Amino acid sequence: MSTSEPSIFSRILAREIPADIVYESESVFAITDIAPQAPVHLLVIPKTGEYRSVGELAKADPALLAEMVAVADQLAAERSDGEYRLVFNTGESAGQTVFHVHAHVLGGQLPEGTLAD
């Protein structure tokens, strides 16, 4: 990452900030979103903060991206009916607020007036 400050995800991983960590491997972890937009809303995050966007990650480390997708699929199967949306916000105008690449896993029936429309 280009910033000198660790991202909130790096701070969660360092256990400096509390979070509901629902999955952890050597290279990826997942947490519940603090402002859920669906009945199941998880974030799947690589432990490295090196990549700001999914495009950067895909070019530099496709195996890590594949692991993130596999973890998302596993967690969606465990926590909902296995049907889910996988969203990567890329850039500020697209809604990215933390510039440490992460995937949103949204499962369950989405409420009316949200992404379901």
C-alpha atoms as a PDB file:
ATOM      1  CA  MET A   1       0.000   0.000   0.000  1.00  0.00           C
ATOM      2  CA  SER A   2       1.178   3.505  -0.649  1.00  0.00           C
ATOM      3  CA  THR A   3       0.159   4.887   2.737  1.00  0.00           C
ATOM      4  CA  SER A   4       2.394   4.771   5.792  1.00  0.00           C
ATOM      5  CA  GLU A   5      -0.515   4.081   8.157  1.00  0.00           C
ATOM      6  CA  PRO A   6      -1.641   0.465   8.506  1.00  0.00           C
ATOM      7  CA  SER A   7      -5.150  -0.157   7.193  1.00  0.00           C
ATOM      8  CA  ILE A   8      -7.972  -0.960   9.576  1.00  0.00           C
ATOM      9  CA  PHE A   9      -7.735  -4.551   8.319  1.00  0.00           C
ATOM     10  CA  SER A  10      -4.038  -4.735   9.213  1.00  0.00           C
ATOM     11  CA  ARG A  11      -4.905  -3.412  12.662  1.00  0.00           C
ATOM     12  CA  ILE A  12      -7.681  -6.004  13.053  1.00  0.00           C
ATOM     13  CA  LEU A  13      -5.261  -8.735  12.003  1.00  0.00           C
ATOM     14  CA  ALA A  14      -2.745  -7.470  14.592  1.00  0.00           C
ATOM     15  CA  ARG A  15      -5.588  -7.691  17.162  1.00  0.00           C
ATOM     16  CA  GLU A  16      -5.313  -3.951  17.828  1.00  0.00           C
ATOM     17  CA  ILE A  17      -8.997  -3.475  16.921  1.00  0.00           C
ATOM     18  CA  PRO A  18     -11.672  -6.005  17.894  1.00  0.00           C
ATOM     19  CA  ALA A  19     -13.576  -7.799  15.151  1.00  0.00           C
ATOM     20  CA  ASP A  20     -15.560 -10.977  14.671  1.00  0.00           C
ATOM     21  CA  ILE A  21     -12.977 -13.067  12.805  1.00  0.00           C
ATOM     22  CA  VAL A  22     -14.875 -16.006  11.306  1.00  0.00           C
ATOM     23  CA  TYR A  23     -12.050 -17.546   9.258  1.00  0.00           C
ATOM     24  CA  GLU A  24      -8.272 -17.403   9.193  1.00  0.00           C
ATOM     25  CA  SER A  25      -5.603 -19.154   7.143  1.00  0.00           C
ATOM     26  CA  GLU A  26      -1.955 -18.418   6.497  1.00  0.00           C
ATOM     27  CA  SER A  27      -2.772 -15.782   3.870  1.00  0.00           C
ATOM     28  CA  VAL A  28      -6.459 -14.797   4.208  1.00  0.00           C
ATOM     29  CA  PHE A  29      -8.919 -13.939   6.953  1.00  0.00           C
ATOM     30  CA  ALA A  30     -12.623 -13.114   7.052  1.00  0.00           C
ATOM     31  CA  ILE A  31     -14.700 -10.959   9.375  1.00  0.00           C
ATOM     32  CA  THR A  32     -18.337 -10.013   9.724  1.00  0.00           C
ATOM     33  CA  ASP A  33     -19.097  -6.557   8.329  1.00  0.00           C
ATOM     34  CA  ILE A  34     -19.903  -3.979  11.010  1.00  0.00           C
ATOM     35  CA  ALA A  35     -22.625  -2.422   8.816  1.00  0.00           C
ATOM     36  CA  PRO A  36     -24.231  -5.426   7.093  1.00  0.00           C
ATOM     37  CA  GLN A  37     -26.097  -4.910   3.828  1.00  0.00           C
ATOM     38  CA  ALA A  38     -27.504  -8.459   3.762  1.00  0.00           C
ATOM     39  CA  PRO A  39     -28.408 -11.179   6.280  1.00  0.00           C
ATOM     40  CA  VAL A  40     -24.897 -12.579   5.773  1.00  0.00           C
ATOM     41  CA  HIS A  41     -22.267  -9.912   5.073  1.00  0.00           C
ATOM     42  CA  LEU A  42     -18.653 -10.952   5.434  1.00  0.00           C
ATOM     43  CA  LEU A  43     -15.378  -9.443   4.287  1.00  0.00           C
ATOM     44  CA  VAL A  44     -12.653 -11.733   2.938  1.00  0.00           C
ATOM     45  CA  ILE A  45      -9.284 -10.029   3.227  1.00  0.00           C
ATOM     46  CA  PRO A  46      -5.735 -11.002   2.285  1.00  0.00           C
ATOM     47  CA  LYS A  47      -3.310 -10.661   5.165  1.00  0.00           C
ATOM     48  CA  THR A  48      -0.952  -8.660   2.993  1.00  0.00           C
ATOM     49  CA  GLY A  49      -1.892  -5.000   2.654  1.00  0.00           C
ATOM     50  CA  GLU A  50       0.218  -4.717  -0.469  1.00  0.00           C
ATOM     51  CA  TYR A  51      -2.703  -4.513  -2.921  1.00  0.00           C
ATOM     52  CA  ARG A  52      -5.199  -1.662  -3.032  1.00  0.00           C
ATOM     53  CA  SER A  53      -7.572  -3.163  -5.601  1.00  0.00           C
ATOM     54  CA  VAL A  54      -8.706  -6.486  -7.016  1.00  0.00           C
ATOM     55  CA  GLY A  55      -7.095  -5.551 -10.341  1.00  0.00           C
ATOM     56  CA  GLU A  56      -3.695  -5.121  -8.700  1.00  0.00           C
ATOM     57  CA  LEU A  57      -4.131  -8.403  -6.844  1.00  0.00           C
ATOM     58  CA  ALA A  58      -5.238 -10.311  -9.958  1.00  0.00           C
ATOM     59  CA  LYS A  59      -2.169  -9.159 -11.894  1.00  0.00           C
ATOM     60  CA  ALA A  60       0.345  -9.742  -9.104  1.00  0.00           C
ATOM     61  CA  ASP A  61      -0.957 -12.816  -7.254  1.00  0.00           C
ATOM     62  CA  PRO A  62      -3.792 -14.692  -8.983  1.00  0.00           C
ATOM     63  CA  ALA A  63      -3.417 -17.621  -6.565  1.00  0.00           C
ATOM     64  CA  LEU A  64      -4.193 -15.350  -3.613  1.00  0.00           C
ATOM     65  CA  LEU A  65      -7.249 -13.992  -5.422  1.00  0.00           C
ATOM     66  CA  ALA A  66      -8.376 -17.563  -6.132  1.00  0.00           C
ATOM     67  CA  GLU A  67      -7.992 -18.403  -2.432  1.00  0.00           C
ATOM     68  CA  MET A  68     -10.141 -15.404  -1.500  1.00  0.00           C
ATOM     69  CA  VAL A  69     -12.886 -16.554  -3.876  1.00  0.00           C
ATOM     70  CA  ALA A  70     -12.694 -20.132  -2.560  1.00  0.00           C
ATOM     71  CA  VAL A  71     -12.968 -18.890   1.038  1.00  0.00           C
ATOM     72  CA  ALA A  72     -15.945 -16.710   0.085  1.00  0.00           C
ATOM     73  CA  ASP A  73     -17.646 -19.719  -1.490  1.00  0.00           C
ATOM     74  CA  GLN A  74     -16.959 -21.899   1.562  1.00  0.00           C
ATOM     75  CA  LEU A  75     -18.243 -19.298   4.016  1.00  0.00           C
ATOM     76  CA  ALA A  76     -21.373 -18.637   1.943  1.00  0.00           C
ATOM     77  CA  ALA A  77     -22.134 -22.359   1.964  1.00  0.00           C
ATOM     78  CA  GLU A  78     -21.609 -22.547   5.733  1.00  0.00           C
ATOM     79  CA  ARG A  79     -23.511 -19.391   6.698  1.00  0.00           C
ATOM     80  CA  SER A  80     -26.323 -19.176   4.141  1.00  0.00           C
ATOM     81  CA  ASP A  81     -27.800 -21.290   1.374  1.00  0.00           C
ATOM     82  CA  GLY A  82     -24.662 -21.096  -0.778  1.00  0.00           C
ATOM     83  CA  GLU A  83     -26.114 -18.394  -3.015  1.00  0.00           C
ATOM     84  CA  TYR A  84     -24.271 -15.113  -2.662  1.00  0.00           C
ATOM     85  CA  ARG A  85     -22.868 -12.002  -4.268  1.00  0.00           C
ATOM     86  CA  LEU A  86     -19.143 -11.385  -4.293  1.00  0.00           C
ATOM     87  CA  VAL A  87     -18.312  -7.684  -4.574  1.00  0.00           C
ATOM     88  CA  PHE A  88     -14.981  -5.906  -4.858  1.00  0.00           C
ATOM     89  CA  ASN A  89     -15.342  -2.119  -4.678  1.00  0.00           C
ATOM     90  CA  THR A  90     -12.489  -0.559  -6.645  1.00  0.00           C
ATOM     91  CA  GLY A  91     -11.883   3.149  -6.215  1.00  0.00           C
ATOM     92  CA  GLU A  92     -13.443   5.831  -4.085  1.00  0.00           C
ATOM     93  CA  SER A  93     -16.299   6.621  -6.487  1.00  0.00           C
ATOM     94  CA  ALA A  94     -17.190   2.905  -6.534  1.00  0.00           C
ATOM     95  CA  GLY A  95     -17.592   2.890  -2.764  1.00  0.00           C
ATOM     96  CA  GLN A  96     -14.153   1.687  -1.681  1.00  0.00           C
ATOM     97  CA  THR A  97     -13.355   3.234   1.688  1.00  0.00           C
ATOM     98  CA  VAL A  98     -10.494   0.978   2.810  1.00  0.00           C
ATOM     99  CA  PHE A  99      -7.700   0.734   0.259  1.00  0.00           C
ATOM    100  CA  HIS A 100      -6.586  -2.742   1.275  1.00  0.00           C
ATOM    101  CA  VAL A 101      -8.254  -5.080  -1.218  1.00  0.00           C
ATOM    102  CA  HIS A 102     -11.157  -7.050   0.222  1.00  0.00           C
ATOM    103  CA  ALA A 103     -14.209  -8.920  -1.007  1.00  0.00           C
ATOM    104  CA  HIS A 104     -17.735  -8.443   0.310  1.00  0.00           C
ATOM    105  CA  VAL A 105     -19.667 -11.715   0.560  1.00  0.00           C
ATOM    106  CA  LEU A 106     -23.412 -11.000   0.672  1.00  0.00           C
ATOM    107  CA  GLY A 107     -25.705 -13.949   1.280  1.00  0.00           C
ATOM    108  CA  GLY A 108     -29.322 -14.540   2.128  1.00  0.00           C
ATOM    109  CA  GLN A 109     -32.298 -12.591   0.846  1.00  0.00           C
ATOM    110  CA  LEU A 110     -31.259  -9.009   0.225  1.00  0.00           C
ATOM    111  CA  PRO A 111     -33.616  -6.385   1.654  1.00  0.00           C
ATOM    112  CA  GLU A 112     -35.767  -4.391  -0.757  1.00  0.00           C
ATOM    113  CA  GLY A 113     -34.180  -1.086  -1.740  1.00  0.00           C
ATOM    114  CA  THR A 114     -30.629  -2.441  -1.609  1.00  0.00           C
ATOM    115  CA  LEU A 115     -28.472  -4.341  -4.060  1.00  0.00           C
ATOM    116  CA  ALA A 116     -31.464  -6.589  -4.783  1.00  0.00           C
ATOM    117  CA  ASP A 117     -32.945  -3.917  -7.073  1.00  0.00           C
END
